[in-house]
Amino acid sequence: DLVVERGQHIVIFGPSGSGKSTLLRTMNLLEEPDSGSVRFEGTE
């Protein structure tokens, strides 16, 4: 679960293999999640 607000600067860090890049790529569907909601400005 993650919310990105307008003007916010979110930094994600952690060990290799923790899912950071995959999480990032789900935000614009370069990786299609198996399940879950990706909403941009209220649209699914």
ModelCIF file with pLDDT and N, C-alpha, C, O atoms, coordinates in Angstrom:
data_MODEL
#
_entry.id   MODEL 
#
_entity.id                         1 
_entity.type                       polymer 
_entity.pdbx_number_of_molecules   1 
#
_entity_poly.entity_id                      1 
_entity_poly.type                           'polypeptide(L)' 
_entity_poly.nstd_linkage                   no 
_entity_poly.nstd_monomer                   no 
_entity_poly.pdbx_seq_one_letter_code       DLVVERGQHIVIFGPSGSGKSTLLRTMNLLEEPDSGSVRFEGTE 
_entity_poly.pdbx_seq_one_letter_code_can   DLVVERGQHIVIFGPSGSGKSTLLRTMNLLEEPDSGSVRFEGTE 
_entity_poly.pdbx_strand_id                 A 
#
loop_
_entity_poly_seq.entity_id 
_entity_poly_seq.num 
_entity_poly_seq.mon_id 
_entity_poly_seq.hetero 
1 1  ASP n 
1 2  LEU n 
1 3  VAL n 
1 4  VAL n 
1 5  GLU n 
1 6  ARG n 
1 7  GLY n 
1 8  GLN n 
1 9  HIS n 
1 10 ILE n 
1 11 VAL n 
1 12 ILE n 
1 13 PHE n 
1 14 GLY n 
1 15 PRO n 
1 16 SER n 
1 17 GLY n 
1 18 SER n 
1 19 GLY n 
1 20 LYS n 
1 21 SER n 
1 22 THR n 
1 23 LEU n 
1 24 LEU n 
1 25 ARG n 
1 26 THR n 
1 27 MET n 
1 28 ASN n 
1 29 LEU n 
1 30 LEU n 
1 31 GLU n 
1 32 GLU n 
1 33 PRO n 
1 34 ASP n 
1 35 SER n 
1 36 GLY n 
1 37 SER n 
1 38 VAL n 
1 39 ARG n 
1 40 PHE n 
1 41 GLU n 
1 42 GLY n 
1 43 THR n 
1 44 GLU n 
#
_struct_asym.id          A 
_struct_asym.entity_id   1 
#
loop_
_ma_qa_metric.id 
_ma_qa_metric.mode 
_ma_qa_metric.name 
_ma_qa_metric.software_group_id 
_ma_qa_metric.type 
1 global pLDDT . pLDDT 
2 local  pLDDT . pLDDT 
#
_ma_qa_metric_global.metric_id      1 
_ma_qa_metric_global.metric_value   95.20 
_ma_qa_metric_global.model_id       1 
_ma_qa_metric_global.ordinal_id     1 
#
loop_
_ma_qa_metric_local.label_asym_id 
_ma_qa_metric_local.label_comp_id 
_ma_qa_metric_local.label_seq_id 
_ma_qa_metric_local.metric_id 
_ma_qa_metric_local.metric_value 
_ma_qa_metric_local.model_id 
_ma_qa_metric_local.ordinal_id 
A ASP 1  2 97.00 1 1  
A LEU 2  2 97.00 1 2  
A VAL 3  2 97.00 1 3  
A VAL 4  2 97.00 1 4  
A GLU 5  2 96.00 1 5  
A ARG 6  2 96.00 1 6  
A GLY 7  2 96.00 1 7  
A GLN 8  2 96.00 1 8  
A HIS 9  2 97.00 1 9  
A ILE 10 2 97.00 1 10 
A VAL 11 2 97.00 1 11 
A ILE 12 2 97.00 1 12 
A PHE 13 2 96.00 1 13 
A GLY 14 2 96.00 1 14 
A PRO 15 2 95.00 1 15 
A SER 16 2 93.00 1 16 
A GLY 17 2 93.00 1 17 
A SER 18 2 96.00 1 18 
A GLY 19 2 97.00 1 19 
A LYS 20 2 97.00 1 20 
A SER 21 2 96.00 1 21 
A THR 22 2 97.00 1 22 
A LEU 23 2 97.00 1 23 
A LEU 24 2 96.00 1 24 
A ARG 25 2 96.00 1 25 
A THR 26 2 96.00 1 26 
A MET 27 2 96.00 1 27 
A ASN 28 2 94.00 1 28 
A LEU 29 2 94.00 1 29 
A LEU 30 2 94.00 1 30 
A GLU 31 2 94.00 1 31 
A GLU 32 2 93.00 1 32 
A PRO 33 2 95.00 1 33 
A ASP 34 2 95.00 1 34 
A SER 35 2 94.00 1 35 
A GLY 36 2 95.00 1 36 
A SER 37 2 95.00 1 37 
A VAL 38 2 95.00 1 38 
A ARG 39 2 94.00 1 39 
A PHE 40 2 95.00 1 40 
A GLU 41 2 92.00 1 41 
A GLY 42 2 89.00 1 42 
A THR 43 2 91.00 1 43 
A GLU 44 2 93.00 1 44 
#
loop_
_atom_site.group_PDB 
_atom_site.id 
_atom_site.type_symbol 
_atom_site.label_atom_id 
_atom_site.label_alt_id 
_atom_site.label_comp_id 
_atom_site.label_asym_id 
_atom_site.label_entity_id 
_atom_site.label_seq_id 
_atom_site.pdbx_PDB_ins_code 
_atom_site.Cartn_x 
_atom_site.Cartn_y 
_atom_site.Cartn_z 
_atom_site.occupancy 
_atom_site.B_iso_or_equiv 
_atom_site.pdbx_formal_charge 
_atom_site.auth_seq_id 
_atom_site.auth_comp_id 
_atom_site.auth_asym_id 
_atom_site.auth_atom_id 
_atom_site.pdbx_PDB_model_num 
ATOM 1   N N  . ASP A 1 1  ? 0.861   -1.184  0.000   1.00 97.00 ? 1  ASP A N  1 
ATOM 2   C CA . ASP A 1 1  ? 0.000   0.000   0.000   1.00 97.00 ? 1  ASP A CA 1 
ATOM 3   C C  . ASP A 1 1  ? 0.901   1.240   0.000   1.00 97.00 ? 1  ASP A C  1 
ATOM 4   O O  . ASP A 1 1  ? 1.841   1.333   0.789   1.00 97.00 ? 1  ASP A O  1 
ATOM 5   N N  . LEU A 1 2  ? 0.601   2.190   -0.895  1.00 97.00 ? 2  LEU A N  1 
ATOM 6   C CA . LEU A 1 2  ? 1.433   3.397   -0.981  1.00 97.00 ? 2  LEU A CA 1 
ATOM 7   C C  . LEU A 1 2  ? 0.637   4.522   -1.625  1.00 97.00 ? 2  LEU A C  1 
ATOM 8   O O  . LEU A 1 2  ? -0.056  4.314   -2.621  1.00 97.00 ? 2  LEU A O  1 
ATOM 9   N N  . VAL A 1 3  ? 0.740   5.711   -1.051  1.00 97.00 ? 3  VAL A N  1 
ATOM 10  C CA . VAL A 1 3  ? 0.107   6.908   -1.615  1.00 97.00 ? 3  VAL A CA 1 
ATOM 11  C C  . VAL A 1 3  ? 1.194   7.906   -1.969  1.00 97.00 ? 3  VAL A C  1 
ATOM 12  O O  . VAL A 1 3  ? 2.079   8.187   -1.162  1.00 97.00 ? 3  VAL A O  1 
ATOM 13  N N  . VAL A 1 4  ? 1.121   8.446   -3.195  1.00 97.00 ? 4  VAL A N  1 
ATOM 14  C CA . VAL A 1 4  ? 2.031   9.499   -3.648  1.00 97.00 ? 4  VAL A CA 1 
ATOM 15  C C  . VAL A 1 4  ? 1.215   10.778  -3.787  1.00 97.00 ? 4  VAL A C  1 
ATOM 16  O O  . VAL A 1 4  ? 0.260   10.830  -4.561  1.00 97.00 ? 4  VAL A O  1 
ATOM 17  N N  . GLU A 1 5  ? 1.590   11.799  -3.042  1.00 96.00 ? 5  GLU A N  1 
ATOM 18  C CA . GLU A 1 5  ? 0.867   13.065  -3.090  1.00 96.00 ? 5  GLU A CA 1 
ATOM 19  C C  . GLU A 1 5  ? 1.591   14.066  -3.974  1.00 96.00 ? 5  GLU A C  1 
ATOM 20  O O  . GLU A 1 5  ? 2.803   13.985  -4.174  1.00 96.00 ? 5  GLU A O  1 
ATOM 21  N N  . ARG A 1 6  ? 0.832   14.998  -4.492  1.00 96.00 ? 6  ARG A N  1 
ATOM 22  C CA . ARG A 1 6  ? 1.382   16.012  -5.398  1.00 96.00 ? 6  ARG A CA 1 
ATOM 23  C C  . ARG A 1 6  ? 2.497   16.801  -4.716  1.00 96.00 ? 6  ARG A C  1 
ATOM 24  O O  . ARG A 1 6  ? 2.326   17.311  -3.609  1.00 96.00 ? 6  ARG A O  1 
ATOM 25  N N  . GLY A 1 7  ? 3.648   16.892  -5.400  1.00 96.00 ? 7  GLY A N  1 
ATOM 26  C CA . GLY A 1 7  ? 4.782   17.633  -4.863  1.00 96.00 ? 7  GLY A CA 1 
ATOM 27  C C  . GLY A 1 7  ? 5.630   16.846  -3.886  1.00 96.00 ? 7  GLY A C  1 
ATOM 28  O O  . GLY A 1 7  ? 6.639   17.356  -3.397  1.00 96.00 ? 7  GLY A O  1 
ATOM 29  N N  . GLN A 1 8  ? 5.245   15.619  -3.591  1.00 96.00 ? 8  GLN A N  1 
ATOM 30  C CA . GLN A 1 8  ? 5.976   14.799  -2.626  1.00 96.00 ? 8  GLN A CA 1 
ATOM 31  C C  . GLN A 1 8  ? 7.233   14.212  -3.252  1.00 96.00 ? 8  GLN A C  1 
ATOM 32  O O  . GLN A 1 8  ? 7.279   13.951  -4.454  1.00 96.00 ? 8  GLN A O  1 
ATOM 33  N N  . HIS A 1 9  ? 8.257   14.006  -2.419  1.00 97.00 ? 9  HIS A N  1 
ATOM 34  C CA . HIS A 1 9  ? 9.500   13.372  -2.856  1.00 97.00 ? 9  HIS A CA 1 
ATOM 35  C C  . HIS A 1 9  ? 9.703   12.120  -2.014  1.00 97.00 ? 9  HIS A C  1 
ATOM 36  O O  . HIS A 1 9  ? 10.124  12.194  -0.859  1.00 97.00 ? 9  HIS A O  1 
ATOM 37  N N  . ILE A 1 10 ? 9.400   10.978  -2.604  1.00 97.00 ? 10 ILE A N  1 
ATOM 38  C CA . ILE A 1 10 ? 9.500   9.703   -1.906  1.00 97.00 ? 10 ILE A CA 1 
ATOM 39  C C  . ILE A 1 10 ? 10.792  9.013   -2.315  1.00 97.00 ? 10 ILE A C  1 
ATOM 40  O O  . ILE A 1 10 ? 11.089  8.890   -3.503  1.00 97.00 ? 10 ILE A O  1 
ATOM 41  N N  . VAL A 1 11 ? 11.549  8.569   -1.336  1.00 97.00 ? 11 VAL A N  1 
ATOM 42  C CA . VAL A 1 11 ? 12.774  7.798   -1.591  1.00 97.00 ? 11 VAL A CA 1 
ATOM 43  C C  . VAL A 1 11 ? 12.568  6.391   -1.042  1.00 97.00 ? 11 VAL A C  1 
ATOM 44  O O  . VAL A 1 11 ? 12.171  6.215   0.110   1.00 97.00 ? 11 VAL A O  1 
ATOM 45  N N  . ILE A 1 12 ? 12.843  5.390   -1.879  1.00 97.00 ? 12 ILE A N  1 
ATOM 46  C CA . ILE A 1 12 ? 12.707  3.989   -1.486  1.00 97.00 ? 12 ILE A CA 1 
ATOM 47  C C  . ILE A 1 12 ? 14.098  3.367   -1.446  1.00 97.00 ? 12 ILE A C  1 
ATOM 48  O O  . ILE A 1 12 ? 14.846  3.449   -2.420  1.00 97.00 ? 12 ILE A O  1 
ATOM 49  N N  . PHE A 1 13 ? 14.441  2.748   -0.325  1.00 96.00 ? 13 PHE A N  1 
ATOM 50  C CA . PHE A 1 13 ? 15.751  2.117   -0.209  1.00 96.00 ? 13 PHE A CA 1 
ATOM 51  C C  . PHE A 1 13 ? 15.600  0.770   0.485   1.00 96.00 ? 13 PHE A C  1 
ATOM 52  O O  . PHE A 1 13 ? 14.570  0.478   1.092   1.00 96.00 ? 13 PHE A O  1 
ATOM 53  N N  . GLY A 1 14 ? 16.637  -0.035  0.385   1.00 96.00 ? 14 GLY A N  1 
ATOM 54  C CA . GLY A 1 14 ? 16.615  -1.358  0.991   1.00 96.00 ? 14 GLY A CA 1 
ATOM 55  C C  . GLY A 1 14 ? 17.584  -2.271  0.275   1.00 96.00 ? 14 GLY A C  1 
ATOM 56  O O  . GLY A 1 14 ? 18.182  -1.874  -0.725  1.00 96.00 ? 14 GLY A O  1 
ATOM 57  N N  . PRO A 1 15 ? 17.755  -3.499  0.770   1.00 95.00 ? 15 PRO A N  1 
ATOM 58  C CA . PRO A 1 15 ? 18.717  -4.423  0.166   1.00 95.00 ? 15 PRO A CA 1 
ATOM 59  C C  . PRO A 1 15 ? 18.302  -4.867  -1.226  1.00 95.00 ? 15 PRO A C  1 
ATOM 60  O O  . PRO A 1 15 ? 17.135  -4.747  -1.600  1.00 95.00 ? 15 PRO A O  1 
ATOM 61  N N  . SER A 1 16 ? 19.254  -5.378  -1.988  1.00 93.00 ? 16 SER A N  1 
ATOM 62  C CA . SER A 1 16 ? 18.966  -5.925  -3.312  1.00 93.00 ? 16 SER A CA 1 
ATOM 63  C C  . SER A 1 16 ? 17.953  -7.054  -3.184  1.00 93.00 ? 16 SER A C  1 
ATOM 64  O O  . SER A 1 16 ? 18.008  -7.859  -2.255  1.00 93.00 ? 16 SER A O  1 
ATOM 65  N N  . GLY A 1 17 ? 17.022  -7.097  -4.142  1.00 93.00 ? 17 GLY A N  1 
ATOM 66  C CA . GLY A 1 17 ? 16.024  -8.155  -4.134  1.00 93.00 ? 17 GLY A CA 1 
ATOM 67  C C  . GLY A 1 17 ? 14.848  -7.910  -3.220  1.00 93.00 ? 17 GLY A C  1 
ATOM 68  O O  . GLY A 1 17 ? 14.029  -8.806  -3.012  1.00 93.00 ? 17 GLY A O  1 
ATOM 69  N N  . SER A 1 18 ? 14.747  -6.699  -2.662  1.00 96.00 ? 18 SER A N  1 
ATOM 70  C CA . SER A 1 18 ? 13.655  -6.416  -1.728  1.00 96.00 ? 18 SER A CA 1 
ATOM 71  C C  . SER A 1 18 ? 12.360  -6.021  -2.428  1.00 96.00 ? 18 SER A C  1 
ATOM 72  O O  . SER A 1 18 ? 11.317  -5.919  -1.783  1.00 96.00 ? 18 SER A O  1 
ATOM 73  N N  . GLY A 1 19 ? 12.415  -5.795  -3.759  1.00 97.00 ? 19 GLY A N  1 
ATOM 74  C CA . GLY A 1 19 ? 11.209  -5.454  -4.505  1.00 97.00 ? 19 GLY A CA 1 
ATOM 75  C C  . GLY A 1 19 ? 11.086  -3.988  -4.872  1.00 97.00 ? 19 GLY A C  1 
ATOM 76  O O  . GLY A 1 19 ? 10.050  -3.562  -5.383  1.00 97.00 ? 19 GLY A O  1 
ATOM 77  N N  . LYS A 1 20 ? 12.126  -3.215  -4.619  1.00 97.00 ? 20 LYS A N  1 
ATOM 78  C CA . LYS A 1 20 ? 12.065  -1.759  -4.836  1.00 97.00 ? 20 LYS A CA 1 
ATOM 79  C C  . LYS A 1 20 ? 11.761  -1.407  -6.287  1.00 97.00 ? 20 LYS A C  1 
ATOM 80  O O  . LYS A 1 20 ? 10.811  -0.676  -6.567  1.00 97.00 ? 20 LYS A O  1 
ATOM 81  N N  . SER A 1 21 ? 12.567  -1.927  -7.210  1.00 96.00 ? 21 SER A N  1 
ATOM 82  C CA . SER A 1 21 ? 12.392  -1.589  -8.621  1.00 96.00 ? 21 SER A CA 1 
ATOM 83  C C  . SER A 1 21 ? 11.077  -2.128  -9.168  1.00 96.00 ? 21 SER A C  1 
ATOM 84  O O  . SER A 1 21 ? 10.425  -1.473  -9.981  1.00 96.00 ? 21 SER A O  1 
ATOM 85  N N  . THR A 1 22 ? 10.691  -3.307  -8.728  1.00 97.00 ? 22 THR A N  1 
ATOM 86  C CA . THR A 1 22 ? 9.414   -3.863  -9.172  1.00 97.00 ? 22 THR A CA 1 
ATOM 87  C C  . THR A 1 22 ? 8.262   -2.985  -8.711  1.00 97.00 ? 22 THR A C  1 
ATOM 88  O O  . THR A 1 22 ? 7.323   -2.740  -9.468  1.00 97.00 ? 22 THR A O  1 
ATOM 89  N N  . LEU A 1 23 ? 8.332   -2.512  -7.477  1.00 97.00 ? 23 LEU A N  1 
ATOM 90  C CA . LEU A 1 23 ? 7.296   -1.603  -6.979  1.00 97.00 ? 23 LEU A CA 1 
ATOM 91  C C  . LEU A 1 23 ? 7.220   -0.354  -7.842  1.00 97.00 ? 23 LEU A C  1 
ATOM 92  O O  . LEU A 1 23 ? 6.132   0.082   -8.219  1.00 97.00 ? 23 LEU A O  1 
ATOM 93  N N  . LEU A 1 24 ? 8.372   0.219   -8.152  1.00 96.00 ? 24 LEU A N  1 
ATOM 94  C CA . LEU A 1 24 ? 8.404   1.424   -8.972  1.00 96.00 ? 24 LEU A CA 1 
ATOM 95  C C  . LEU A 1 24 ? 7.754   1.175   -10.328 1.00 96.00 ? 24 LEU A C  1 
ATOM 96  O O  . LEU A 1 24 ? 6.983   2.001   -10.817 1.00 96.00 ? 24 LEU A O  1 
ATOM 97  N N  . ARG A 1 25 ? 8.071   0.031   -10.931 1.00 96.00 ? 25 ARG A N  1 
ATOM 98  C CA . ARG A 1 25 ? 7.582   -0.278  -12.270 1.00 96.00 ? 25 ARG A CA 1 
ATOM 99  C C  . ARG A 1 25 ? 6.097   -0.620  -12.302 1.00 96.00 ? 25 ARG A C  1 
ATOM 100 O O  . ARG A 1 25 ? 5.479   -0.576  -13.366 1.00 96.00 ? 25 ARG A O  1 
ATOM 101 N N  . THR A 1 26 ? 5.513   -0.959  -11.155 1.00 96.00 ? 26 THR A N  1 
ATOM 102 C CA . THR A 1 26 ? 4.064   -1.167  -11.142 1.00 96.00 ? 26 THR A CA 1 
ATOM 103 C C  . THR A 1 26 ? 3.303   0.160   -11.202 1.00 96.00 ? 26 THR A C  1 
ATOM 104 O O  . THR A 1 26 ? 2.135   0.193   -11.588 1.00 96.00 ? 26 THR A O  1 
ATOM 105 N N  . MET A 1 27 ? 3.966   1.244   -10.822 1.00 96.00 ? 27 MET A N  1 
ATOM 106 C CA . MET A 1 27 ? 3.268   2.533   -10.795 1.00 96.00 ? 27 MET A CA 1 
ATOM 107 C C  . MET A 1 27 ? 2.859   3.004   -12.186 1.00 96.00 ? 27 MET A C  1 
ATOM 108 O O  . MET A 1 27 ? 1.858   3.704   -12.334 1.00 96.00 ? 27 MET A O  1 
ATOM 109 N N  . ASN A 1 28 ? 3.636   2.620   -13.217 1.00 94.00 ? 28 ASN A N  1 
ATOM 110 C CA . ASN A 1 28 ? 3.225   2.971   -14.582 1.00 94.00 ? 28 ASN A CA 1 
ATOM 111 C C  . ASN A 1 28 ? 2.975   1.723   -15.425 1.00 94.00 ? 28 ASN A C  1 
ATOM 112 O O  . ASN A 1 28 ? 2.944   1.775   -16.655 1.00 94.00 ? 28 ASN A O  1 
ATOM 113 N N  . LEU A 1 29 ? 2.796   0.596   -14.726 1.00 94.00 ? 29 LEU A N  1 
ATOM 114 C CA . LEU A 1 29 ? 2.420   -0.683  -15.353 1.00 94.00 ? 29 LEU A CA 1 
ATOM 115 C C  . LEU A 1 29 ? 3.455   -1.212  -16.339 1.00 94.00 ? 29 LEU A C  1 
ATOM 116 O O  . LEU A 1 29 ? 3.117   -1.971  -17.247 1.00 94.00 ? 29 LEU A O  1 
ATOM 117 N N  . LEU A 1 30 ? 4.727   -0.811  -16.164 1.00 94.00 ? 30 LEU A N  1 
ATOM 118 C CA . LEU A 1 30 ? 5.772   -1.538  -16.876 1.00 94.00 ? 30 LEU A CA 1 
ATOM 119 C C  . LEU A 1 30 ? 5.834   -2.968  -16.351 1.00 94.00 ? 30 LEU A C  1 
ATOM 120 O O  . LEU A 1 30 ? 6.237   -3.888  -17.062 1.00 94.00 ? 30 LEU A O  1 
ATOM 121 N N  . GLU A 1 31 ? 5.430   -3.137  -15.095 1.00 94.00 ? 31 GLU A N  1 
ATOM 122 C CA . GLU A 1 31 ? 5.171   -4.462  -14.546 1.00 94.00 ? 31 GLU A CA 1 
ATOM 123 C C  . GLU A 1 31 ? 3.702   -4.507  -14.147 1.00 94.00 ? 31 GLU A C  1 
ATOM 124 O O  . GLU A 1 31 ? 3.261   -3.737  -13.293 1.00 94.00 ? 31 GLU A O  1 
ATOM 125 N N  . GLU A 1 32 ? 2.955   -5.399  -14.759 1.00 93.00 ? 32 GLU A N  1 
ATOM 126 C CA . GLU A 1 32 ? 1.540   -5.552  -14.414 1.00 93.00 ? 32 GLU A CA 1 
ATOM 127 C C  . GLU A 1 32 ? 1.440   -6.353  -13.120 1.00 93.00 ? 32 GLU A C  1 
ATOM 128 O O  . GLU A 1 32 ? 1.900   -7.494  -13.078 1.00 93.00 ? 32 GLU A O  1 
ATOM 129 N N  . PRO A 1 33 ? 0.852   -5.791  -12.064 1.00 95.00 ? 33 PRO A N  1 
ATOM 130 C CA . PRO A 1 33 ? 0.721   -6.564  -10.837 1.00 95.00 ? 33 PRO A CA 1 
ATOM 131 C C  . PRO A 1 33 ? -0.230  -7.744  -11.024 1.00 95.00 ? 33 PRO A C  1 
ATOM 132 O O  . PRO A 1 33 ? -1.148  -7.688  -11.843 1.00 95.00 ? 33 PRO A O  1 
ATOM 133 N N  . ASP A 1 34 ? -0.005  -8.805  -10.263 1.00 95.00 ? 34 ASP A N  1 
ATOM 134 C CA . ASP A 1 34 ? -0.910  -9.954  -10.316 1.00 95.00 ? 34 ASP A CA 1 
ATOM 135 C C  . ASP A 1 34 ? -2.282  -9.588  -9.764  1.00 95.00 ? 34 ASP A C  1 
ATOM 136 O O  . ASP A 1 34 ? -3.313  -10.050 -10.253 1.00 95.00 ? 34 ASP A O  1 
ATOM 137 N N  . SER A 1 35 ? -2.267  -8.756  -8.746  1.00 94.00 ? 35 SER A N  1 
ATOM 138 C CA . SER A 1 35 ? -3.518  -8.274  -8.164  1.00 94.00 ? 35 SER A CA 1 
ATOM 139 C C  . SER A 1 35 ? -3.236  -6.964  -7.448  1.00 94.00 ? 35 SER A C  1 
ATOM 140 O O  . SER A 1 35 ? -2.094  -6.649  -7.112  1.00 94.00 ? 35 SER A O  1 
ATOM 141 N N  . GLY A 1 36 ? -4.300  -6.212  -7.226  1.00 95.00 ? 36 GLY A N  1 
ATOM 142 C CA . GLY A 1 36 ? -4.157  -4.942  -6.527  1.00 95.00 ? 36 GLY A CA 1 
ATOM 143 C C  . GLY A 1 36 ? -4.545  -3.762  -7.388  1.00 95.00 ? 36 GLY A C  1 
ATOM 144 O O  . GLY A 1 36 ? -4.691  -3.874  -8.605  1.00 95.00 ? 36 GLY A O  1 
ATOM 145 N N  . SER A 1 37 ? -4.708  -2.635  -6.735  1.00 95.00 ? 37 SER A N  1 
ATOM 146 C CA . SER A 1 37 ? -5.200  -1.420  -7.376  1.00 95.00 ? 37 SER A CA 1 
ATOM 147 C C  . SER A 1 37 ? -4.064  -0.435  -7.641  1.00 95.00 ? 37 SER A C  1 
ATOM 148 O O  . SER A 1 37 ? -3.272  -0.129  -6.749  1.00 95.00 ? 37 SER A O  1 
ATOM 149 N N  . VAL A 1 38 ? -3.995  0.061   -8.890  1.00 95.00 ? 38 VAL A N  1 
ATOM 150 C CA . VAL A 1 38 ? -3.088  1.142   -9.269  1.00 95.00 ? 38 VAL A CA 1 
ATOM 151 C C  . VAL A 1 38 ? -3.960  2.283   -9.759  1.00 95.00 ? 38 VAL A C  1 
ATOM 152 O O  . VAL A 1 38 ? -4.479  2.243   -10.874 1.00 95.00 ? 38 VAL A O  1 
ATOM 153 N N  . ARG A 1 39 ? -4.118  3.296   -8.924  1.00 94.00 ? 39 ARG A N  1 
ATOM 154 C CA . ARG A 1 39 ? -4.966  4.424   -9.305  1.00 94.00 ? 39 ARG A CA 1 
ATOM 155 C C  . ARG A 1 39 ? -4.118  5.666   -9.515  1.00 94.00 ? 39 ARG A C  1 
ATOM 156 O O  . ARG A 1 39 ? -3.255  6.004   -8.705  1.00 94.00 ? 39 ARG A O  1 
ATOM 157 N N  . PHE A 1 40 ? -4.391  6.336   -10.632 1.00 95.00 ? 40 PHE A N  1 
ATOM 158 C CA . PHE A 1 40 ? -3.731  7.597   -10.949 1.00 95.00 ? 40 PHE A CA 1 
ATOM 159 C C  . PHE A 1 40 ? -4.812  8.658   -11.064 1.00 95.00 ? 40 PHE A C  1 
ATOM 160 O O  . PHE A 1 40 ? -5.691  8.573   -11.922 1.00 95.00 ? 40 PHE A O  1 
ATOM 161 N N  . GLU A 1 41 ? -4.740  9.665   -10.187 1.00 92.00 ? 41 GLU A N  1 
ATOM 162 C CA . GLU A 1 41 ? -5.737  10.731  -10.124 1.00 92.00 ? 41 GLU A CA 1 
ATOM 163 C C  . GLU A 1 41 ? -7.150  10.165  -10.102 1.00 92.00 ? 41 GLU A C  1 
ATOM 164 O O  . GLU A 1 41 ? -8.058  10.696  -10.742 1.00 92.00 ? 41 GLU A O  1 
ATOM 165 N N  . GLY A 1 42 ? -7.320  9.068   -9.350  1.00 89.00 ? 42 GLY A N  1 
ATOM 166 C CA . GLY A 1 42 ? -8.637  8.496   -9.115  1.00 89.00 ? 42 GLY A CA 1 
ATOM 167 C C  . GLY A 1 42 ? -9.104  7.470   -10.118 1.00 89.00 ? 42 GLY A C  1 
ATOM 168 O O  . GLY A 1 42 ? -10.105 6.793   -9.881  1.00 89.00 ? 42 GLY A O  1 
ATOM 169 N N  . THR A 1 43 ? -8.401  7.333   -11.243 1.00 91.00 ? 43 THR A N  1 
ATOM 170 C CA . THR A 1 43 ? -8.788  6.358   -12.260 1.00 91.00 ? 43 THR A CA 1 
ATOM 171 C C  . THR A 1 43 ? -8.012  5.064   -12.058 1.00 91.00 ? 43 THR A C  1 
ATOM 172 O O  . THR A 1 43 ? -6.802  5.097   -11.834 1.00 91.00 ? 43 THR A O  1 
ATOM 173 N N  . GLU A 1 44 ? -8.685  3.941   -12.135 1.00 93.00 ? 44 GLU A N  1 
ATOM 174 C CA . GLU A 1 44 ? -8.064  2.634   -11.953 1.00 93.00 ? 44 GLU A CA 1 
ATOM 175 C C  . GLU A 1 44 ? -7.355  2.193   -13.225 1.00 93.00 ? 44 GLU A C  1 
ATOM 176 O O  . GLU A 1 44 ? -6.769  1.110   -13.263 1.00 93.00 ? 44 GLU A O  1 
#
